[in-house]
Amino acid sequence: MNYELLKNINGLAGDGSTFLDHMMIFTTNAALYILAMLLLALFLFGNTYTKKTAVYAGFAGVLAIIINICIAQFYFEPRPFITYDTINVLVAHDADASFPSDHTAGAMGITFAILLRHIKWGWLPVVFGLLTGFSRIYVGNHYPGDVLAGIAIGFIAAAIITQLRMMMEPITSLIIRLWYKLPLTGHPQ
């Protein structure tokens, strides 16, 4: 079933010249940079609560990647383009572990952490995180199961950080206090 879903999604990919191909290539290449810029914008321009959200979301993204690294030490799944020669590879990738998807786990850790603190608008970044996962399948770098695992790991990482936020409060507050002490931050000393 994993391969069948991969074939159906990756089968939509052309030779890299269609609008959808360009959109998926851009998303897969730029997603984590876009999310990093989102966190930076939330931190720079948000109120104290939103600044804390950016810090927690950053921690959740890092935790998701750490969880992935640990899993990859014990379980290796070759990338689909290594196993099957019928995969349309639109973005070159090393032949390292496919499971779970690092891009998806990091993106979903960040976006779920935002959602857990900003229910009204936090679903927008989650949609982008899901698009990131879809793009990883589309460009031939991951199986759907890799992406689903990345989504689950991202959610777990965000939930852990959310549960630990009281313990993390001194660190988060220190980061924000240090930010406010910088010249030109627009915050009264």
C-alpha atoms as a PDB file:
ATOM      1  CA  MET A   1       0.000   0.000   0.000  1.00  0.00           C
ATOM      2  CA  ASN A   2       2.872   2.378   0.820  1.00  0.00           C
ATOM      3  CA  TYR A   3       4.348   1.855  -2.648  1.00  0.00           C
ATOM      4  CA  GLU A   4       0.950   2.095  -4.348  1.00  0.00           C
ATOM      5  CA  LEU A   5       0.257   5.486  -2.714  1.00  0.00           C
ATOM      6  CA  LEU A   6       3.756   6.628  -3.619  1.00  0.00           C
ATOM      7  CA  LYS A   7       3.184   5.610  -7.252  1.00  0.00           C
ATOM      8  CA  ASN A   8      -0.114   7.498  -7.365  1.00  0.00           C
ATOM      9  CA  ILE A   9       1.300  10.696  -5.858  1.00  0.00           C
ATOM     10  CA  ASN A  10       4.714  10.605  -7.517  1.00  0.00           C
ATOM     11  CA  GLY A  11       3.002   9.589 -10.759  1.00  0.00           C
ATOM     12  CA  LEU A  12       1.582  13.124 -10.910  1.00  0.00           C
ATOM     13  CA  ALA A  13       5.128  14.442 -11.272  1.00  0.00           C
ATOM     14  CA  GLY A  14       6.255  15.332 -14.739  1.00  0.00           C
ATOM     15  CA  ASP A  15       9.708  16.194 -15.945  1.00  0.00           C
ATOM     16  CA  GLY A  16      10.007  19.192 -13.630  1.00  0.00           C
ATOM     17  CA  SER A  17       8.453  21.655 -16.061  1.00  0.00           C
ATOM     18  CA  THR A  18       4.794  21.881 -14.985  1.00  0.00           C
ATOM     19  CA  PHE A  19       3.429  24.437 -12.528  1.00  0.00           C
ATOM     20  CA  LEU A  20       2.693  21.695  -9.978  1.00  0.00           C
ATOM     21  CA  ASP A  21       6.218  20.309 -10.381  1.00  0.00           C
ATOM     22  CA  HIS A  22       7.691  23.775  -9.759  1.00  0.00           C
ATOM     23  CA  MET A  23       5.433  24.325  -6.746  1.00  0.00           C
ATOM     24  CA  MET A  24       6.378  20.977  -5.184  1.00  0.00           C
ATOM     25  CA  ILE A  25      10.088  21.461  -5.891  1.00  0.00           C
ATOM     26  CA  PHE A  26       9.958  24.933  -4.336  1.00  0.00           C
ATOM     27  CA  THR A  27       8.026  23.661  -1.305  1.00  0.00           C
ATOM     28  CA  THR A  28      10.332  20.722  -0.678  1.00  0.00           C
ATOM     29  CA  ASN A  29      13.454  22.894  -1.014  1.00  0.00           C
ATOM     30  CA  ALA A  30      12.248  26.009   0.812  1.00  0.00           C
ATOM     31  CA  ALA A  31       9.815  24.749   3.462  1.00  0.00           C
ATOM     32  CA  LEU A  32      12.140  24.712   6.448  1.00  0.00           C
ATOM     33  CA  TYR A  33      13.584  28.107   5.490  1.00  0.00           C
ATOM     34  CA  ILE A  34      10.079  29.547   5.188  1.00  0.00           C
ATOM     35  CA  LEU A  35       9.152  28.139   8.594  1.00  0.00           C
ATOM     36  CA  ALA A  36      12.372  29.527  10.091  1.00  0.00           C
ATOM     37  CA  MET A  37      11.463  32.958   8.688  1.00  0.00           C
ATOM     38  CA  LEU A  38       7.961  32.581  10.152  1.00  0.00           C
ATOM     39  CA  LEU A  39       9.447  31.852  13.582  1.00  0.00           C
ATOM     40  CA  LEU A  40      11.781  34.821  13.228  1.00  0.00           C
ATOM     41  CA  ALA A  41       8.874  37.095  12.261  1.00  0.00           C
ATOM     42  CA  LEU A  42       6.781  35.839  15.193  1.00  0.00           C
ATOM     43  CA  PHE A  43       9.697  36.487  17.524  1.00  0.00           C
ATOM     44  CA  LEU A  44      10.628  39.897  16.125  1.00  0.00           C
ATOM     45  CA  PHE A  45       7.147  41.358  15.750  1.00  0.00           C
ATOM     46  CA  GLY A  46       4.955  39.404  18.157  1.00  0.00           C
ATOM     47  CA  ASN A  47       3.973  40.225  21.711  1.00  0.00           C
ATOM     48  CA  THR A  48       5.601  38.311  24.571  1.00  0.00           C
ATOM     49  CA  TYR A  49       3.150  35.390  24.252  1.00  0.00           C
ATOM     50  CA  THR A  50       3.850  35.091  20.520  1.00  0.00           C
ATOM     51  CA  LYS A  51       7.607  35.383  21.086  1.00  0.00           C
ATOM     52  CA  LYS A  52       7.328  32.439  23.489  1.00  0.00           C
ATOM     53  CA  THR A  53       5.377  30.547  20.833  1.00  0.00           C
ATOM     54  CA  ALA A  54       8.259  31.051  18.389  1.00  0.00           C
ATOM     55  CA  VAL A  55      10.770  29.739  20.935  1.00  0.00           C
ATOM     56  CA  TYR A  56       8.620  26.707  21.826  1.00  0.00           C
ATOM     57  CA  ALA A  57       7.986  25.963  18.148  1.00  0.00           C
ATOM     58  CA  GLY A  58      11.707  26.132  17.416  1.00  0.00           C
ATOM     59  CA  PHE A  59      12.384  23.704  20.266  1.00  0.00           C
ATOM     60  CA  ALA A  60       9.629  21.390  18.974  1.00  0.00           C
ATOM     61  CA  GLY A  61      11.153  21.354  15.484  1.00  0.00           C
ATOM     62  CA  VAL A  62      14.589  20.530  16.891  1.00  0.00           C
ATOM     63  CA  LEU A  63      13.158  17.829  19.175  1.00  0.00           C
ATOM     64  CA  ALA A  64      11.354  16.238  16.208  1.00  0.00           C
ATOM     65  CA  ILE A  65      14.633  16.032  14.278  1.00  0.00           C
ATOM     66  CA  ILE A  66      16.418  14.549  17.312  1.00  0.00           C
ATOM     67  CA  ILE A  67      13.695  11.893  17.595  1.00  0.00           C
ATOM     68  CA  ASN A  68      14.133  11.130  13.877  1.00  0.00           C
ATOM     69  CA  ILE A  69      17.893  10.782  14.252  1.00  0.00           C
ATOM     70  CA  CYS A  70      17.364   8.318  17.110  1.00  0.00           C
ATOM     71  CA  ILE A  71      14.902   6.254  15.060  1.00  0.00           C
ATOM     72  CA  ALA A  72      17.282   6.196  12.086  1.00  0.00           C
ATOM     73  CA  GLN A  73      19.955   4.628  14.319  1.00  0.00           C
ATOM     74  CA  PHE A  74      17.755   1.564  14.809  1.00  0.00           C
ATOM     75  CA  TYR A  75      15.730   1.314  11.609  1.00  0.00           C
ATOM     76  CA  PHE A  76      16.816   1.891   8.029  1.00  0.00           C
ATOM     77  CA  GLU A  77      14.378   2.189   5.138  1.00  0.00           C
ATOM     78  CA  PRO A  78      15.983   2.898   1.749  1.00  0.00           C
ATOM     79  CA  ARG A  79      14.617   5.839  -0.175  1.00  0.00           C
ATOM     80  CA  PRO A  80      12.048   4.956  -2.836  1.00  0.00           C
ATOM     81  CA  PHE A  81      14.328   5.957  -5.712  1.00  0.00           C
ATOM     82  CA  ILE A  82      16.901   3.439  -4.453  1.00  0.00           C
ATOM     83  CA  THR A  83      14.389   0.596  -4.298  1.00  0.00           C
ATOM     84  CA  TYR A  84      12.379   1.383  -7.446  1.00  0.00           C
ATOM     85  CA  ASP A  85      13.729   2.671 -10.736  1.00  0.00           C
ATOM     86  CA  THR A  86      10.280   3.934 -11.771  1.00  0.00           C
ATOM     87  CA  ILE A  87      10.269   6.880  -9.334  1.00  0.00           C
ATOM     88  CA  ASN A  88      10.271  10.386 -10.832  1.00  0.00           C
ATOM     89  CA  VAL A  89      12.993  12.089  -8.799  1.00  0.00           C
ATOM     90  CA  LEU A  90      12.509  15.841  -9.141  1.00  0.00           C
ATOM     91  CA  VAL A  91      14.887  16.766  -6.308  1.00  0.00           C
ATOM     92  CA  ALA A  92      18.186  14.929  -5.903  1.00  0.00           C
ATOM     93  CA  HIS A  93      18.790  13.498  -2.442  1.00  0.00           C
ATOM     94  CA  ASP A  94      21.425  11.427  -0.683  1.00  0.00           C
ATOM     95  CA  ALA A  95      20.672   7.723  -0.382  1.00  0.00           C
ATOM     96  CA  ASP A  96      20.337   7.955   3.408  1.00  0.00           C
ATOM     97  CA  ALA A  97      17.403   6.728   5.516  1.00  0.00           C
ATOM     98  CA  SER A  98      13.953   7.458   4.171  1.00  0.00           C
ATOM     99  CA  PHE A  99      12.049   6.699   7.384  1.00  0.00           C
ATOM    100  CA  PRO A 100      10.915   8.936   8.981  1.00  0.00           C
ATOM    101  CA  SER A 101      10.844  12.141   6.945  1.00  0.00           C
ATOM    102  CA  ASP A 102      13.037  14.781   8.612  1.00  0.00           C
ATOM    103  CA  HIS A 103      11.507  17.636   6.617  1.00  0.00           C
ATOM    104  CA  THR A 104       8.003  16.606   7.616  1.00  0.00           C
ATOM    105  CA  ALA A 105       8.847  15.935  11.269  1.00  0.00           C
ATOM    106  CA  GLY A 106      10.598  19.290  11.663  1.00  0.00           C
ATOM    107  CA  ALA A 107       7.887  21.194   9.819  1.00  0.00           C
ATOM    108  CA  MET A 108       5.085  19.521  11.746  1.00  0.00           C
ATOM    109  CA  GLY A 109       6.858  19.949  15.091  1.00  0.00           C
ATOM    110  CA  ILE A 110       7.051  23.679  14.427  1.00  0.00           C
ATOM    111  CA  THR A 111       3.542  24.023  13.039  1.00  0.00           C
ATOM    112  CA  PHE A 112       1.792  21.859  15.640  1.00  0.00           C
ATOM    113  CA  ALA A 113       3.536  23.837  18.405  1.00  0.00           C
ATOM    114  CA  ILE A 114       2.173  27.044  16.882  1.00  0.00           C
ATOM    115  CA  LEU A 115      -1.302  25.508  16.569  1.00  0.00           C
ATOM    116  CA  LEU A 116      -1.333  24.390  20.205  1.00  0.00           C
ATOM    117  CA  ARG A 117      -0.826  28.016  21.301  1.00  0.00           C
ATOM    118  CA  HIS A 118      -2.763  29.860  18.585  1.00  0.00           C
ATOM    119  CA  ILE A 119      -5.886  27.862  17.765  1.00  0.00           C
ATOM    120  CA  LYS A 120      -7.514  30.632  15.683  1.00  0.00           C
ATOM    121  CA  TRP A 121      -4.788  31.024  13.061  1.00  0.00           C
ATOM    122  CA  GLY A 122      -2.317  28.245  13.894  1.00  0.00           C
ATOM    123  CA  TRP A 123      -3.905  25.861  11.408  1.00  0.00           C
ATOM    124  CA  LEU A 124      -2.460  27.912   8.517  1.00  0.00           C
ATOM    125  CA  PRO A 125       1.134  26.869   9.247  1.00  0.00           C
ATOM    126  CA  VAL A 126      -0.104  23.281   9.786  1.00  0.00           C
ATOM    127  CA  VAL A 127      -1.526  23.270   6.249  1.00  0.00           C
ATOM    128  CA  PHE A 128       1.889  24.402   4.997  1.00  0.00           C
ATOM    129  CA  GLY A 129       3.539  21.641   7.052  1.00  0.00           C
ATOM    130  CA  LEU A 130       1.226  19.063   5.478  1.00  0.00           C
ATOM    131  CA  LEU A 131       2.027  20.456   2.024  1.00  0.00           C
ATOM    132  CA  THR A 132       5.706  20.025   2.875  1.00  0.00           C
ATOM    133  CA  GLY A 133       5.126  16.350   3.616  1.00  0.00           C
ATOM    134  CA  PHE A 134       3.118  15.876   0.431  1.00  0.00           C
ATOM    135  CA  SER A 135       5.882  17.542  -1.582  1.00  0.00           C
ATOM    136  CA  ARG A 136       8.424  15.042  -0.222  1.00  0.00           C
ATOM    137  CA  ILE A 137       6.361  12.207  -1.715  1.00  0.00           C
ATOM    138  CA  TYR A 138       5.649  14.096  -4.931  1.00  0.00           C
ATOM    139  CA  VAL A 139       9.343  14.753  -5.675  1.00  0.00           C
ATOM    140  CA  GLY A 140      10.196  11.088  -5.062  1.00  0.00           C
ATOM    141  CA  ASN A 141      12.188  11.438  -1.841  1.00  0.00           C
ATOM    142  CA  HIS A 142       9.813   9.650   0.565  1.00  0.00           C
ATOM    143  CA  TYR A 143       7.132   7.031   0.912  1.00  0.00           C
ATOM    144  CA  PRO A 144       3.762   8.117   2.351  1.00  0.00           C
ATOM    145  CA  GLY A 145       4.549   6.088   5.493  1.00  0.00           C
ATOM    146  CA  ASP A 146       7.717   8.149   6.026  1.00  0.00           C
ATOM    147  CA  VAL A 147       5.641  11.320   5.877  1.00  0.00           C
ATOM    148  CA  LEU A 148       2.903   9.963   8.164  1.00  0.00           C
ATOM    149  CA  ALA A 149       5.588   9.002  10.685  1.00  0.00           C
ATOM    150  CA  GLY A 150       7.054  12.518  10.364  1.00  0.00           C
ATOM    151  CA  ILE A 151       3.626  14.025  11.056  1.00  0.00           C
ATOM    152  CA  ALA A 152       3.209  11.831  14.146  1.00  0.00           C
ATOM    153  CA  ILE A 153       6.715  12.624  15.397  1.00  0.00           C
ATOM    154  CA  GLY A 154       6.135  16.342  14.845  1.00  0.00           C
ATOM    155  CA  PHE A 155       2.930  16.160  16.863  1.00  0.00           C
ATOM    156  CA  ILE A 156       4.622  14.182  19.647  1.00  0.00           C
ATOM    157  CA  ALA A 157       7.503  16.683  19.772  1.00  0.00           C
ATOM    158  CA  ALA A 158       5.078  19.631  19.933  1.00  0.00           C
ATOM    159  CA  ALA A 159       3.051  17.894  22.657  1.00  0.00           C
ATOM    160  CA  ILE A 160       6.203  17.184  24.694  1.00  0.00           C
ATOM    161  CA  ILE A 161       7.383  20.791  24.421  1.00  0.00           C
ATOM    162  CA  THR A 162       3.889  22.022  25.318  1.00  0.00           C
ATOM    163  CA  GLN A 163       3.863  19.794  28.403  1.00  0.00           C
ATOM    164  CA  LEU A 164       7.359  20.945  29.391  1.00  0.00           C
ATOM    165  CA  ARG A 165       6.733  24.647  28.827  1.00  0.00           C
ATOM    166  CA  MET A 166       6.484  25.385  32.560  1.00  0.00           C
ATOM    167  CA  MET A 167       9.909  23.804  33.060  1.00  0.00           C
ATOM    168  CA  MET A 168      11.193  25.705  30.026  1.00  0.00           C
ATOM    169  CA  GLU A 169       9.725  29.029  31.174  1.00  0.00           C
ATOM    170  CA  PRO A 170      12.977  30.300  32.757  1.00  0.00           C
ATOM    171  CA  ILE A 171      14.923  29.619  29.542  1.00  0.00           C
ATOM    172  CA  THR A 172      12.216  31.112  27.331  1.00  0.00           C
ATOM    173  CA  SER A 173      11.875  34.194  29.533  1.00  0.00           C
ATOM    174  CA  LEU A 174      15.644  34.641  29.589  1.00  0.00           C
ATOM    175  CA  ILE A 175      15.799  34.536  25.781  1.00  0.00           C
ATOM    176  CA  ILE A 176      13.073  37.179  25.558  1.00  0.00           C
ATOM    177  CA  ARG A 177      14.618  39.371  28.289  1.00  0.00           C
ATOM    178  CA  LEU A 178      17.969  39.254  26.505  1.00  0.00           C
ATOM    179  CA  TRP A 179      16.230  40.191  23.257  1.00  0.00           C
ATOM    180  CA  TYR A 180      14.571  43.195  24.895  1.00  0.00           C
ATOM    181  CA  LYS A 181      17.939  44.388  26.222  1.00  0.00           C
ATOM    182  CA  LEU A 182      19.345  44.671  22.712  1.00  0.00           C
ATOM    183  CA  PRO A 183      19.431  48.187  21.307  1.00  0.00           C
ATOM    184  CA  LEU A 184      16.850  49.023  18.651  1.00  0.00           C
ATOM    185  CA  THR A 185      14.369  46.342  19.713  1.00  0.00           C
ATOM    186  CA  GLY A 186      11.802  49.008  20.433  1.00  0.00           C
ATOM    187  CA  HIS A 187      11.233  47.785  23.958  1.00  0.00           C
ATOM    188  CA  PRO A 188      11.690  50.127  26.923  1.00  0.00           C
ATOM    189  CA  GLN A 189      14.691  49.264  29.067  1.00  0.00           C
END
